[in-house]
Amino acid sequence: MLQKFSRLKGCILVAAIFFGGWLIRSGSTPRRPADAPKPAFQLQDVTREMGITFRYKDPVLDPQIQAKMRLIFLGSGVAVADFNGDGWMDILLVSAGRDEKNHLYLNQHGNGFKEVAEEWGIADTNRAGATVTPVVFDYDNDGRPDVYLARLGCSMLFHNLGDHFENVSKSSGLGDCLSSAGAVPIDYDGDGLIYLYVLRYWKPLNYFALPVPTPRIWLDGLGTSRNGGDNTLYRNQGDGTFKNVTPVAGGSDTGWSLDGGAADVRGDGLQRLYISNDFGPDSFWTAKDRKLIDSWSRSFPSVDRRSGMGVSFGDLAHDGRPHIHVSNENSRYYEPELGNYLFKFSGTDDLATESAYAWGTSKCGTFNWGSAFADFDLDGSEDLFVTNGFISGDPKAGDYEYHLMSSMSSSTDLIRMPDLKRMNLKGHDHSCMFWNREGHFENVAEAVGLVESWDGRAAGMIDFDNNGSMDLIVTTQNGPPHLLRNTVKPGKRWIELSLVGTRSNRDGTGAVIELRQPGQRPQYRWATGGKSGLMASSDPRIHFGLPVEADVDIMVRWPSGMTDHLNHLAPGQIHLLKEGGSP
């Protein structure tokens, strides 16, 4: 009986792997009819042309796990911000290899980038530990974007002094050595200070020199795991220091958290925090009365558990409440119905509805990671970009999933898993560009120029030439980034808003922005201070594409509760909006 079951299991496995491969090939880059409408934008790779030469390097971990390190280490993160205050967006790319340098690229007014990480004091963060994600937030409200580095090992905080960074990791209280995968800036009580919700993927071990005897490293259950690191809510004390208030305020989560996002998703003035967990169920917190209240079972009572990767917010319904895109793994042989989520609150109750299948965003290859909503074609409707691909190896060296699944169960510890060697694991895949066709999305990646395959990770939005078209900077798991110039002809069909809080936090994080034009649907954006999906901080300016070239009226509801109305703003410009600046 056991032999028959083993043979049957093997047949099912082989068929599933074949079918999964078919899904990858047919799902990521569908062939469009020759007469299909063509998107009005193209993405051109200008990485080298613009002077970006960075290449990500893997960390060196304990010898017991180094040969399968990529199974638990994410890849390269990216942060976009105006670090030197000249009005042009700069790029920070982080590496993880031992003694490998981060690269900080200052924007040369749209004519390329200059690398200055050494001069700015943020190049050497990998002598001990491995850097994962740069998170940008102005923690002291001085108008200069500071940088939190989530790292395997000890986290770091860099204070921006205008022409260089000061390492304040120890004095700030954010330099804990519990390992972190990312963080979400959130002004969850409207006091004008940004707190930091730190995401812990790994349990607190020294992965560079594991103790003897070696404790369990891998998950304790595929869908219900609760043995990852424990997330931390740090309160901004207003004096340059942070305090762990998780035991009092809430937010504890050990579900192997990868990403999160905070916004007013119900339209009721309260910030909600959605956390995507790789192995445990996702989490959903309501910020109320200076606490994070667990709202998952109330808002998502029938949602099945999936491998949560990235979280991003987009305006698809034009009703003041965003859709929440959650990237997931899309086709395991034992869970063929997995896919991305696209949640939406109706505003009449606490229940979220799921609409990814209806919108056409549920399938994008196999392993989806970072994502970014933006109006790439400037038609007044947001599109969605999603990175894809896990570990590209040599197909001739074998399929790692076959070796893994045929030799052990999903609960086997990492140390006893087979080595990756040069094998392929859902790699050689394509990113997806979901074009908004009013009520559904169409994947037009190939049609807009995305024909190369890479193991994409973070997706950062950046208008690097200040021309009103949204470009992209995409990182990979083990290689160079890709700066993708958007070649749409913008004219005056756009507007960008740079928020400056006064009573609120200076970044305006937590604000809701409404835009109106005569005869057109309203548009909405949710200010996150640039936090935008897995391992990414994007251009913090609020960007709108406009269906017509006409003046716009803007309403900003700030985290402080103040509301500003600004009328007849000219399109085709970047406007500075200061809290309390209503006429």
Protein backbone atom coordinates (compact mmCIF):
# COMPACT_ATOMS: atom_id res chain seq x y z
CA MET A 1 0.00 0.00 0.00
CA LEU A 2 2.77 2.43 0.91
CA GLN A 3 4.60 1.71 -2.35
CA LYS A 4 1.43 2.32 -4.39
CA PHE A 5 0.78 5.59 -2.54
CA SER A 6 4.37 6.68 -3.09
CA ARG A 7 4.10 6.02 -6.86
CA LEU A 8 0.76 7.85 -7.02
CA LYS A 9 2.17 10.81 -5.09
CA GLY A 10 5.12 10.95 -7.48
CA CYS A 11 2.83 10.98 -10.53
CA ILE A 12 0.73 13.75 -9.05
CA LEU A 13 3.87 15.69 -8.22
CA VAL A 14 5.30 15.42 -11.75
CA ALA A 15 1.97 16.44 -13.31
CA ALA A 16 1.65 19.35 -10.92
CA ILE A 17 5.17 20.60 -11.65
CA PHE A 18 4.45 20.40 -15.39
CA PHE A 19 1.16 22.25 -14.96
CA GLY A 20 2.80 24.83 -12.69
CA GLY A 21 5.44 25.45 -15.35
CA TRP A 22 2.69 25.91 -17.93
CA LEU A 23 1.02 28.46 -15.67
CA ILE A 24 4.26 30.42 -15.43
CA ARG A 25 4.85 30.45 -19.17
CA SER A 26 1.27 31.25 -20.12
CA GLY A 27 0.26 33.44 -17.17
CA SER A 28 3.04 36.01 -17.04
CA THR A 29 3.37 37.23 -20.61
CA PRO A 30 0.14 36.52 -22.49
CA ARG A 31 0.04 37.04 -26.22
CA ARG A 32 -2.21 39.95 -27.17
CA PRO A 33 -4.11 40.08 -30.46
CA ALA A 34 -2.38 42.22 -33.07
CA ASP A 35 -5.35 44.59 -33.22
CA ALA A 36 -5.67 44.97 -29.42
CA PRO A 37 -5.59 48.56 -28.08
CA LYS A 38 -2.04 49.60 -27.30
CA PRO A 39 -1.08 51.29 -24.02
CA ALA A 40 -0.03 54.92 -24.38
CA PHE A 41 3.21 54.34 -22.45
CA GLN A 42 6.43 52.38 -22.78
CA LEU A 43 9.08 51.45 -20.18
CA GLN A 44 12.70 51.78 -21.31
CA ASP A 45 15.62 50.42 -19.26
CA VAL A 46 18.02 53.35 -18.78
CA THR A 47 19.98 51.99 -15.80
CA ARG A 48 23.46 52.19 -17.27
CA GLU A 49 22.68 55.31 -19.28
CA MET A 50 21.78 57.16 -16.07
CA GLY A 51 24.98 56.07 -14.28
CA ILE A 52 23.59 53.35 -11.99
CA THR A 53 26.14 50.53 -11.69
CA PHE A 54 25.04 48.92 -8.43
CA ARG A 55 24.85 45.13 -8.24
CA TYR A 56 23.38 43.33 -5.26
CA LYS A 57 25.43 40.64 -3.47
CA ASP A 58 24.16 37.86 -1.20
CA PRO A 59 25.08 37.69 2.50
CA VAL A 60 27.43 35.06 3.90
CA LEU A 61 25.60 33.10 6.60
CA ASP A 62 26.47 30.15 8.81
CA PRO A 63 27.92 27.25 6.73
CA GLN A 64 25.03 25.01 7.78
CA ILE A 65 22.53 27.15 5.83
CA GLN A 66 24.63 29.10 3.29
CA ALA A 67 23.87 26.68 0.44
CA LYS A 68 20.13 27.36 0.84
CA MET A 69 20.43 30.96 2.04
CA ARG A 70 18.23 32.34 -0.76
CA LEU A 71 15.24 30.42 0.59
CA ILE A 72 15.12 32.69 3.62
CA PHE A 73 16.90 35.89 2.52
CA LEU A 74 14.91 38.30 0.39
CA GLY A 75 17.25 40.29 -1.86
CA SER A 76 17.76 44.00 -2.45
CA GLY A 77 15.57 46.86 -1.21
CA VAL A 78 15.35 50.43 -2.52
CA ALA A 79 14.45 53.86 -1.18
CA VAL A 80 13.54 56.94 -3.23
CA ALA A 81 13.63 60.39 -1.60
CA ASP A 82 15.05 63.89 -2.03
CA PHE A 83 17.91 63.33 0.39
CA ASN A 84 19.80 66.57 -0.35
CA GLY A 85 16.75 68.83 -0.64
CA ASP A 86 17.30 70.08 -4.20
CA GLY A 87 13.86 69.12 -5.50
CA TRP A 88 15.01 66.00 -7.40
CA MET A 89 14.46 62.42 -6.28
CA ASP A 90 17.53 60.38 -5.29
CA ILE A 91 17.95 56.59 -5.00
CA LEU A 92 19.38 54.44 -2.17
CA LEU A 93 20.17 50.81 -3.05
CA VAL A 94 21.34 48.42 -0.33
CA SER A 95 23.47 45.29 -0.56
CA ALA A 96 23.83 42.41 1.90
CA GLY A 97 27.16 40.79 1.06
CA ARG A 98 29.88 40.83 3.69
CA ASP A 99 31.69 44.20 3.39
CA GLU A 100 29.69 45.02 0.24
CA LYS A 101 28.77 48.70 -0.18
CA ASN A 102 25.38 50.33 -0.40
CA HIS A 103 25.00 52.91 -3.17
CA LEU A 104 23.42 56.34 -2.72
CA TYR A 105 22.71 58.02 -6.05
CA LEU A 106 22.09 61.78 -6.05
CA ASN A 107 19.95 62.94 -8.95
CA GLN A 108 21.80 65.31 -11.28
CA HIS A 109 18.63 67.23 -12.16
CA GLY A 110 17.34 64.50 -14.44
CA ASN A 111 20.64 64.10 -16.30
CA GLY A 112 21.93 61.01 -14.54
CA PHE A 113 22.93 60.05 -11.01
CA LYS A 114 26.12 60.49 -8.97
CA GLU A 115 27.11 57.85 -6.40
CA VAL A 116 27.93 59.40 -2.97
CA ALA A 117 27.30 56.71 -0.33
CA GLU A 118 30.83 56.92 1.10
CA GLU A 119 30.70 60.73 1.43
CA TRP A 120 27.27 60.53 3.04
CA GLY A 121 28.33 57.84 5.53
CA ILE A 122 25.82 55.16 4.58
CA ALA A 123 27.94 52.84 2.41
CA ASP A 124 29.35 50.49 5.07
CA THR A 125 26.48 48.71 6.81
CA ASN A 126 27.46 45.12 6.02
CA ARG A 127 30.59 44.57 8.11
CA ALA A 128 28.37 42.85 10.67
CA GLY A 129 24.87 41.88 9.68
CA ALA A 130 23.17 42.06 6.29
CA THR A 131 21.03 44.96 5.07
CA VAL A 132 17.59 44.18 3.66
CA THR A 133 15.27 47.20 3.40
CA PRO A 134 15.80 50.97 3.58
CA VAL A 135 12.77 52.76 5.05
CA VAL A 136 12.51 56.55 4.70
CA PHE A 137 10.75 58.73 7.29
CA ASP A 138 11.40 62.17 8.79
CA TYR A 139 11.36 61.17 12.46
CA ASP A 140 12.35 64.60 13.85
CA ASN A 141 10.21 66.77 11.51
CA ASP A 142 13.19 68.80 10.28
CA GLY A 143 12.29 68.45 6.60
CA ARG A 144 15.09 66.01 5.77
CA PRO A 145 14.30 62.33 5.06
CA ASP A 146 16.01 59.99 7.53
CA VAL A 147 16.70 56.30 6.85
CA TYR A 148 15.93 53.20 8.92
CA LEU A 149 17.79 50.11 7.69
CA ALA A 150 16.05 46.82 8.38
CA ARG A 151 18.74 44.16 8.63
CA LEU A 152 19.47 40.56 9.43
CA GLY A 153 21.23 41.22 12.73
CA CYS A 154 21.11 44.73 14.25
CA SER A 155 18.89 47.38 12.72
CA MET A 156 20.23 50.88 12.06
CA LEU A 157 18.90 54.47 12.00
CA PHE A 158 20.61 57.27 10.06
CA HIS A 159 19.81 60.91 10.78
CA ASN A 160 19.96 63.12 7.68
CA LEU A 161 22.00 66.29 8.31
CA GLY A 162 21.54 67.69 4.82
CA ASP A 163 24.88 66.71 3.33
CA HIS A 164 25.60 63.45 5.16
CA PHE A 165 24.05 60.90 7.52
CA GLU A 166 24.77 60.42 11.20
CA ASN A 167 24.45 56.91 12.61
CA VAL A 168 22.11 57.26 15.62
CA SER A 169 21.17 53.59 15.90
CA LYS A 170 22.17 53.17 19.55
CA SER A 171 21.09 56.56 20.91
CA SER A 172 17.69 56.38 19.19
CA GLY A 173 16.69 53.00 20.60
CA LEU A 174 16.01 51.59 17.12
CA GLY A 175 19.26 49.62 16.88
CA ASP A 176 17.91 46.39 18.34
CA CYS A 177 19.58 43.15 17.22
CA LEU A 178 16.41 41.09 16.73
CA SER A 179 16.61 41.12 12.88
CA SER A 180 14.03 43.02 10.84
CA ALA A 181 12.74 42.68 7.28
CA GLY A 182 11.14 46.12 6.96
CA ALA A 183 9.06 48.72 8.76
CA VAL A 184 5.92 50.80 8.34
CA PRO A 185 5.97 54.51 9.31
CA ILE A 186 2.65 55.40 10.95
CA ASP A 187 1.27 58.41 12.86
CA TYR A 188 -1.29 56.24 14.54
CA ASP A 189 -2.56 58.76 17.10
CA GLY A 190 -2.28 62.04 15.16
CA ASP A 191 0.20 63.61 17.58
CA GLY A 192 2.47 64.91 14.80
CA LEU A 193 5.19 62.27 15.27
CA ILE A 194 5.82 59.22 13.10
CA TYR A 195 6.07 55.91 14.93
CA LEU A 196 7.68 52.85 13.41
CA TYR A 197 6.07 49.43 13.19
CA VAL A 198 9.02 47.06 12.66
CA LEU A 199 8.46 43.81 10.74
CA ARG A 200 10.27 40.68 11.96
CA TYR A 201 10.53 37.84 9.47
CA TRP A 202 13.23 35.77 11.15
CA LYS A 203 13.29 34.60 14.74
CA PRO A 204 16.07 36.29 16.77
CA LEU A 205 19.07 34.05 16.06
CA ASN A 206 22.62 34.75 14.96
CA TYR A 207 22.35 33.45 11.40
CA PHE A 208 26.02 34.19 10.75
CA ALA A 209 27.18 31.81 13.50
CA LEU A 210 24.35 29.58 14.67
CA PRO A 211 24.52 28.26 18.25
CA VAL A 212 25.23 24.62 19.04
CA PRO A 213 23.04 22.65 19.25
CA THR A 214 21.27 24.50 16.44
CA PRO A 215 17.66 25.44 17.24
CA ARG A 216 14.84 25.06 14.75
CA ILE A 217 15.05 27.69 11.98
CA TRP A 218 12.20 26.88 9.60
CA LEU A 219 8.44 27.31 10.07
CA ASP A 220 6.45 25.12 12.41
CA GLY A 221 3.47 24.78 10.06
CA LEU A 222 2.90 25.81 6.46
CA GLY A 223 -0.33 27.74 6.90
CA THR A 224 -0.41 28.39 10.62
CA SER A 225 3.19 29.10 11.54
CA ARG A 226 3.74 31.36 14.54
CA ASN A 227 7.44 30.88 15.16
CA GLY A 228 8.87 33.83 13.18
CA GLY A 229 10.16 37.05 14.67
CA ASP A 230 7.81 39.19 16.77
CA ASN A 231 6.86 42.57 15.29
CA THR A 232 7.50 45.70 17.35
CA LEU A 233 5.69 49.04 17.60
CA TYR A 234 8.15 51.81 18.48
CA ARG A 235 6.72 55.05 19.84
CA ASN A 236 8.46 58.26 18.76
CA GLN A 237 9.24 60.10 22.00
CA GLY A 238 9.80 63.43 20.22
CA ASP A 239 13.36 63.81 21.50
CA GLY A 240 15.14 61.63 18.97
CA THR A 241 14.45 58.40 20.85
CA PHE A 242 11.98 55.55 20.38
CA LYS A 243 10.36 53.24 22.92
CA ASN A 244 8.95 49.75 22.43
CA VAL A 245 5.25 50.09 23.35
CA THR A 246 4.04 46.79 21.86
CA PRO A 247 3.22 45.23 25.27
CA VAL A 248 0.93 48.18 26.04
CA ALA A 249 -0.31 49.34 22.63
CA GLY A 250 -0.49 45.99 20.78
CA GLY A 251 0.81 44.83 17.45
CA SER A 252 2.61 41.61 18.40
CA ASP A 253 2.78 39.23 15.40
CA THR A 254 5.04 36.19 14.90
CA GLY A 255 3.75 35.11 11.49
CA TRP A 256 6.95 35.69 9.46
CA SER A 257 6.02 39.23 8.41
CA LEU A 258 7.37 40.49 5.08
CA ASP A 259 5.55 43.75 4.40
CA GLY A 260 2.83 46.06 5.60
CA GLY A 261 1.05 49.28 4.83
CA ALA A 262 -0.99 51.84 6.76
CA ALA A 263 -3.84 54.00 5.46
CA ASP A 264 -7.39 55.12 6.16
CA VAL A 265 -8.95 52.25 4.23
CA ARG A 266 -12.46 52.71 5.66
CA GLY A 267 -12.81 56.46 5.11
CA ASP A 268 -13.57 57.02 8.79
CA GLY A 269 -10.38 58.86 9.78
CA LEU A 270 -8.74 55.86 11.47
CA GLN A 271 -5.45 54.37 10.30
CA ARG A 272 -5.48 50.64 9.59
CA LEU A 273 -2.37 48.54 9.32
CA TYR A 274 -2.36 45.53 6.98
CA ILE A 275 0.54 43.09 7.53
CA SER A 276 1.40 40.37 4.98
CA ASN A 277 2.81 37.21 6.54
CA ASP A 278 4.67 34.58 4.57
CA PHE A 279 3.70 31.54 6.64
CA GLY A 280 1.20 32.62 9.30
CA PRO A 281 -2.16 34.28 8.62
CA ASP A 282 -1.97 37.95 7.67
CA SER A 283 -2.78 40.60 10.29
CA PHE A 284 -5.00 43.68 10.30
CA TRP A 285 -4.83 46.33 13.02
CA THR A 286 -7.03 49.35 13.74
CA ALA A 287 -5.24 52.32 15.32
CA LYS A 288 -7.63 53.70 17.94
CA ASP A 289 -7.24 55.22 21.39
CA ARG A 290 -3.43 54.97 21.12
CA LYS A 291 -3.63 51.21 20.63
CA LEU A 292 -3.44 48.75 17.75
CA ILE A 293 -6.63 46.69 17.93
CA ASP A 294 -6.63 43.27 16.27
CA SER A 295 -9.35 43.50 13.58
CA TRP A 296 -8.51 40.53 11.37
CA SER A 297 -11.34 38.18 12.33
CA ARG A 298 -13.88 41.02 12.11
CA SER A 299 -12.80 42.26 8.65
CA PHE A 300 -11.47 39.08 7.01
CA PRO A 301 -13.43 36.23 8.62
CA SER A 302 -13.42 33.84 5.63
CA VAL A 303 -10.10 34.70 3.99
CA ASP A 304 -7.85 31.70 3.40
CA ARG A 305 -4.17 31.86 4.34
CA ARG A 306 -1.68 32.55 1.57
CA SER A 307 2.02 33.38 1.36
CA GLY A 308 1.75 37.14 1.85
CA MET A 309 4.55 39.18 0.21
CA GLY A 310 3.88 42.87 -0.60
CA VAL A 311 1.12 45.36 0.32
CA SER A 312 0.10 48.44 -1.67
CA PHE A 313 -2.92 50.76 -1.90
CA GLY A 314 -4.64 51.96 -5.09
CA ASP A 315 -7.61 54.11 -6.10
CA LEU A 316 -9.71 51.87 -8.33
CA ALA A 317 -13.24 52.73 -7.20
CA HIS A 318 -12.89 56.56 -6.93
CA ASP A 319 -14.95 56.50 -3.73
CA GLY A 320 -12.37 57.50 -1.10
CA ARG A 321 -11.52 53.98 0.04
CA PRO A 322 -8.53 52.18 -1.51
CA HIS A 323 -8.20 48.69 -2.86
CA ILE A 324 -5.48 46.75 -1.01
CA HIS A 325 -3.27 44.63 -3.25
CA VAL A 326 -1.46 41.79 -1.45
CA SER A 327 1.12 39.89 -3.49
CA ASN A 328 1.18 36.14 -2.94
CA GLU A 329 2.66 32.94 -4.22
CA ASN A 330 0.48 31.92 -7.13
CA SER A 331 0.78 28.21 -7.84
CA ARG A 332 1.91 25.57 -5.44
CA TYR A 333 1.11 22.08 -6.64
CA TYR A 334 -0.75 21.33 -3.42
CA GLU A 335 -2.65 24.66 -3.40
CA PRO A 336 -3.50 25.37 -7.05
CA GLU A 337 -5.99 28.16 -6.31
CA LEU A 338 -3.50 30.47 -4.63
CA GLY A 339 -3.18 33.98 -6.04
CA ASN A 340 -2.89 37.65 -5.25
CA TYR A 341 -5.51 39.42 -3.18
CA LEU A 342 -7.32 42.66 -4.00
CA PHE A 343 -9.35 43.72 -0.97
CA LYS A 344 -11.87 46.55 -0.69
CA PHE A 345 -14.01 47.97 2.12
CA SER A 346 -17.47 49.17 1.15
CA GLY A 347 -17.62 51.69 3.98
CA THR A 348 -20.93 50.39 5.32
CA ASP A 349 -19.42 47.76 7.64
CA ASP A 350 -16.11 46.27 8.76
CA LEU A 351 -16.11 43.47 6.19
CA ALA A 352 -13.58 43.49 3.34
CA THR A 353 -14.46 41.91 -0.01
CA GLU A 354 -11.95 40.20 -2.31
CA SER A 355 -11.97 41.04 -6.04
CA ALA A 356 -8.64 39.97 -7.56
CA TYR A 357 -10.23 37.44 -9.91
CA ALA A 358 -12.84 39.95 -11.05
CA TRP A 359 -10.17 42.59 -11.74
CA GLY A 360 -7.76 40.11 -13.35
CA THR A 361 -4.85 40.57 -10.93
CA SER A 362 -4.92 37.21 -9.13
CA LYS A 363 -2.39 35.53 -11.42
CA CYS A 364 1.04 36.86 -12.29
CA GLY A 365 3.51 34.04 -12.80
CA THR A 366 4.32 32.13 -9.62
CA PHE A 367 6.11 34.18 -6.94
CA ASN A 368 4.96 37.80 -6.69
CA TRP A 369 6.86 40.29 -4.52
CA GLY A 370 6.88 44.09 -4.72
CA SER A 371 4.02 46.04 -6.25
CA ALA A 372 3.23 49.64 -7.10
CA PHE A 373 0.04 51.45 -8.07
CA ALA A 374 0.55 54.43 -10.37
CA ASP A 375 -1.19 56.11 -13.29
CA PHE A 376 1.46 55.23 -15.86
CA ASP A 377 -0.52 56.38 -18.90
CA LEU A 378 -1.96 59.54 -17.24
CA ASP A 379 -5.59 58.74 -18.05
CA GLY A 380 -6.97 59.29 -14.54
CA SER A 381 -6.99 55.59 -13.56
CA GLU A 382 -4.23 53.85 -11.61
CA ASP A 383 -2.39 50.87 -13.10
CA LEU A 384 -0.51 48.18 -11.16
CA PHE A 385 3.04 46.88 -11.53
CA VAL A 386 4.04 43.59 -9.84
CA THR A 387 7.49 41.98 -9.67
CA ASN A 388 7.88 38.25 -10.13
CA GLY A 389 10.33 35.34 -9.96
CA PHE A 390 11.93 33.46 -7.05
CA ILE A 391 15.38 31.93 -7.69
CA SER A 392 16.73 31.68 -11.24
CA GLY A 393 19.10 28.78 -11.70
CA ASP A 394 20.26 26.55 -14.49
CA PRO A 395 17.23 24.58 -15.76
CA LYS A 396 19.63 21.78 -16.73
CA ALA A 397 20.72 21.48 -13.09
CA GLY A 398 17.25 20.39 -12.07
CA ASP A 399 14.10 21.75 -10.46
CA TYR A 400 14.66 22.42 -6.75
CA GLU A 401 10.98 22.10 -5.91
CA TYR A 402 11.02 18.53 -7.17
CA HIS A 403 14.01 17.67 -4.98
CA LEU A 404 12.49 19.44 -2.00
CA MET A 405 8.97 18.05 -2.17
CA SER A 406 9.99 14.52 -3.07
CA SER A 407 12.35 14.19 -0.12
CA MET A 408 10.67 15.87 2.80
CA SER A 409 7.59 17.57 4.21
CA SER A 410 6.92 21.30 4.41
CA SER A 411 7.67 21.31 8.12
CA THR A 412 11.21 20.00 7.74
CA ASP A 413 13.82 22.34 9.17
CA LEU A 414 16.00 24.46 6.87
CA ILE A 415 19.24 22.75 7.90
CA ARG A 416 17.95 19.38 6.64
CA MET A 417 16.68 20.70 3.31
CA PRO A 418 18.69 19.82 0.19
CA ASP A 419 21.20 22.39 -1.05
CA LEU A 420 20.06 24.70 -3.82
CA LYS A 421 23.27 24.30 -5.77
CA ARG A 422 22.56 25.72 -9.25
CA MET A 423 18.98 24.48 -9.43
CA ASN A 424 16.02 26.59 -10.51
CA LEU A 425 13.10 27.42 -8.19
CA LYS A 426 10.34 29.33 -9.99
CA GLY A 427 12.87 31.68 -11.53
CA HIS A 428 13.29 33.05 -15.07
CA ASP A 429 9.94 34.80 -14.79
CA HIS A 430 8.49 38.10 -15.97
CA SER A 431 7.04 41.04 -14.08
CA CYS A 432 3.44 42.03 -14.74
CA MET A 433 2.13 45.42 -15.81
CA PHE A 434 -1.59 45.46 -15.18
CA TRP A 435 -3.17 48.15 -17.37
CA ASN A 436 -6.41 49.58 -15.96
CA ARG A 437 -9.17 49.10 -18.54
CA GLU A 438 -11.99 50.51 -16.35
CA GLY A 439 -13.28 47.65 -14.23
CA HIS A 440 -10.58 45.13 -15.05
CA PHE A 441 -6.83 44.91 -15.61
CA GLU A 442 -4.95 43.53 -18.59
CA ASN A 443 -1.35 42.36 -18.28
CA VAL A 444 0.47 44.35 -20.99
CA ALA A 445 4.04 43.76 -19.79
CA GLU A 446 5.36 42.68 -23.17
CA ALA A 447 3.46 45.43 -25.00
CA VAL A 448 5.10 48.17 -22.88
CA GLY A 449 8.62 46.77 -23.27
CA LEU A 450 9.02 44.42 -20.29
CA VAL A 451 10.41 41.48 -22.23
CA GLU A 452 13.35 40.46 -20.01
CA SER A 453 12.99 38.01 -17.13
CA TRP A 454 14.58 38.57 -13.74
CA ASP A 455 13.89 37.68 -10.12
CA GLY A 456 12.27 40.99 -9.20
CA ARG A 457 11.87 42.09 -5.59
CA ALA A 458 11.20 45.76 -4.71
CA ALA A 459 9.35 48.18 -7.01
CA GLY A 460 9.94 51.85 -6.26
CA MET A 461 8.09 54.63 -8.07
CA ILE A 462 10.12 57.68 -9.05
CA ASP A 463 9.57 60.70 -11.30
CA PHE A 464 13.33 61.10 -11.70
CA ASP A 465 13.17 63.81 -14.39
CA ASN A 466 10.30 65.81 -12.83
CA ASN A 467 8.29 65.65 -16.05
CA GLY A 468 5.11 64.29 -14.51
CA SER A 469 5.37 60.71 -15.80
CA MET A 470 5.93 58.01 -13.21
CA ASP A 471 9.07 55.90 -13.74
CA LEU A 472 10.16 52.74 -11.88
CA ILE A 473 13.25 51.44 -10.10
CA VAL A 474 13.07 47.64 -9.71
CA THR A 475 15.53 45.56 -7.67
CA THR A 476 16.37 41.90 -8.11
CA GLN A 477 17.18 38.95 -5.88
CA ASN A 478 20.76 38.56 -7.03
CA GLY A 479 21.77 41.10 -9.65
CA PRO A 480 21.48 44.68 -10.88
CA PRO A 481 18.48 46.97 -10.46
CA HIS A 482 16.50 48.27 -13.42
CA LEU A 483 15.64 51.95 -13.81
CA LEU A 484 12.68 52.04 -16.19
CA ARG A 485 11.92 55.36 -17.85
CA ASN A 486 8.26 55.93 -18.68
CA THR A 487 8.13 57.38 -22.20
CA VAL A 488 4.50 58.57 -22.11
CA LYS A 489 4.08 62.13 -23.41
CA PRO A 490 2.85 63.93 -20.27
CA GLY A 491 1.97 67.42 -21.56
CA LYS A 492 -0.12 68.97 -18.78
CA ARG A 493 -2.13 65.86 -17.98
CA TRP A 494 -0.63 65.43 -14.51
CA ILE A 495 -0.10 67.13 -11.19
CA GLU A 496 2.20 66.32 -8.25
CA LEU A 497 1.78 67.48 -4.66
CA SER A 498 4.53 67.76 -2.07
CA LEU A 499 2.94 67.68 1.39
CA VAL A 500 4.34 69.62 4.36
CA GLY A 501 2.64 68.95 7.68
CA THR A 502 2.72 71.57 10.46
CA ARG A 503 0.37 70.29 13.14
CA SER A 504 0.68 66.83 11.59
CA ASN A 505 3.95 65.00 10.98
CA ARG A 506 5.96 66.89 8.38
CA ASP A 507 5.76 64.06 5.82
CA GLY A 508 1.97 64.18 5.93
CA THR A 509 1.96 60.42 6.47
CA GLY A 510 -1.64 59.33 7.03
CA ALA A 511 -3.24 62.14 5.01
CA VAL A 512 -6.00 61.50 2.45
CA ILE A 513 -5.93 63.59 -0.72
CA GLU A 514 -8.93 64.12 -3.01
CA LEU A 515 -8.65 65.64 -6.51
CA ARG A 516 -11.52 66.93 -8.65
CA GLN A 517 -11.80 68.28 -12.16
CA PRO A 518 -15.00 69.55 -13.81
CA GLY A 519 -17.04 66.71 -15.26
CA GLN A 520 -14.59 64.02 -14.13
CA ARG A 521 -14.64 61.38 -11.41
CA PRO A 522 -12.84 62.29 -8.19
CA GLN A 523 -9.45 60.71 -7.56
CA TYR A 524 -7.90 59.79 -4.21
CA ARG A 525 -4.46 59.07 -2.83
CA TRP A 526 -3.27 57.95 0.61
CA ALA A 527 -0.05 59.53 1.84
CA THR A 528 2.32 56.91 3.23
CA GLY A 529 5.47 59.04 3.33
CA GLY A 530 6.69 56.99 0.38
CA LYS A 531 6.24 53.50 1.93
CA SER A 532 5.15 51.42 -1.04
CA GLY A 533 5.19 47.65 -1.07
CA LEU A 534 7.80 45.03 -0.28
CA MET A 535 11.28 46.43 0.56
CA ALA A 536 10.51 49.77 -1.10
CA SER A 537 10.08 53.43 -0.26
CA SER A 538 8.92 55.39 -3.32
CA ASP A 539 8.78 59.00 -4.47
CA PRO A 540 6.82 60.56 -1.57
CA ARG A 541 5.12 63.18 -3.74
CA ILE A 542 1.44 62.60 -4.45
CA HIS A 543 1.03 61.93 -8.17
CA PHE A 544 -2.13 62.12 -10.27
CA GLY A 545 -2.65 61.51 -13.95
CA LEU A 546 -5.39 63.74 -15.37
CA PRO A 547 -7.97 62.69 -17.98
CA VAL A 548 -8.22 66.32 -19.20
CA GLU A 549 -5.96 69.38 -19.17
CA ALA A 550 -7.89 71.55 -16.74
CA ASP A 551 -7.34 73.20 -13.36
CA VAL A 552 -7.84 70.95 -10.35
CA ASP A 553 -9.37 71.35 -6.91
CA ILE A 554 -7.62 69.59 -4.03
CA MET A 555 -8.86 68.58 -0.58
CA VAL A 556 -6.34 67.30 1.99
CA ARG A 557 -7.52 65.67 5.22
CA TRP A 558 -4.45 65.72 7.46
CA PRO A 559 -3.71 63.25 10.31
CA SER A 560 -4.24 66.10 12.78
CA GLY A 561 -7.87 66.32 11.68
CA MET A 562 -7.38 69.61 9.84
CA THR A 563 -8.82 69.82 6.31
CA ASP A 564 -7.41 72.08 3.59
CA HIS A 565 -9.16 73.05 0.33
CA LEU A 566 -7.11 74.43 -2.54
CA ASN A 567 -8.87 75.40 -5.75
CA HIS A 568 -7.81 76.06 -9.33
CA LEU A 569 -4.33 74.57 -9.09
CA ALA A 570 -2.61 74.53 -12.47
CA PRO A 571 -1.89 71.08 -13.97
CA GLY A 572 1.51 70.10 -15.28
CA GLN A 573 3.28 71.34 -12.15
CA ILE A 574 4.66 70.18 -8.80
CA HIS A 575 2.85 72.06 -6.03
CA LEU A 576 3.96 72.49 -2.41
CA LEU A 577 0.97 72.05 -0.07
CA LYS A 578 1.50 73.21 3.50
CA GLU A 579 -0.93 72.21 6.24
CA GLY A 580 -3.16 75.16 7.09
CA GLY A 581 -2.57 76.65 3.65
CA SER A 582 -6.21 76.85 2.61
CA PRO A 583 -7.20 80.30 1.28
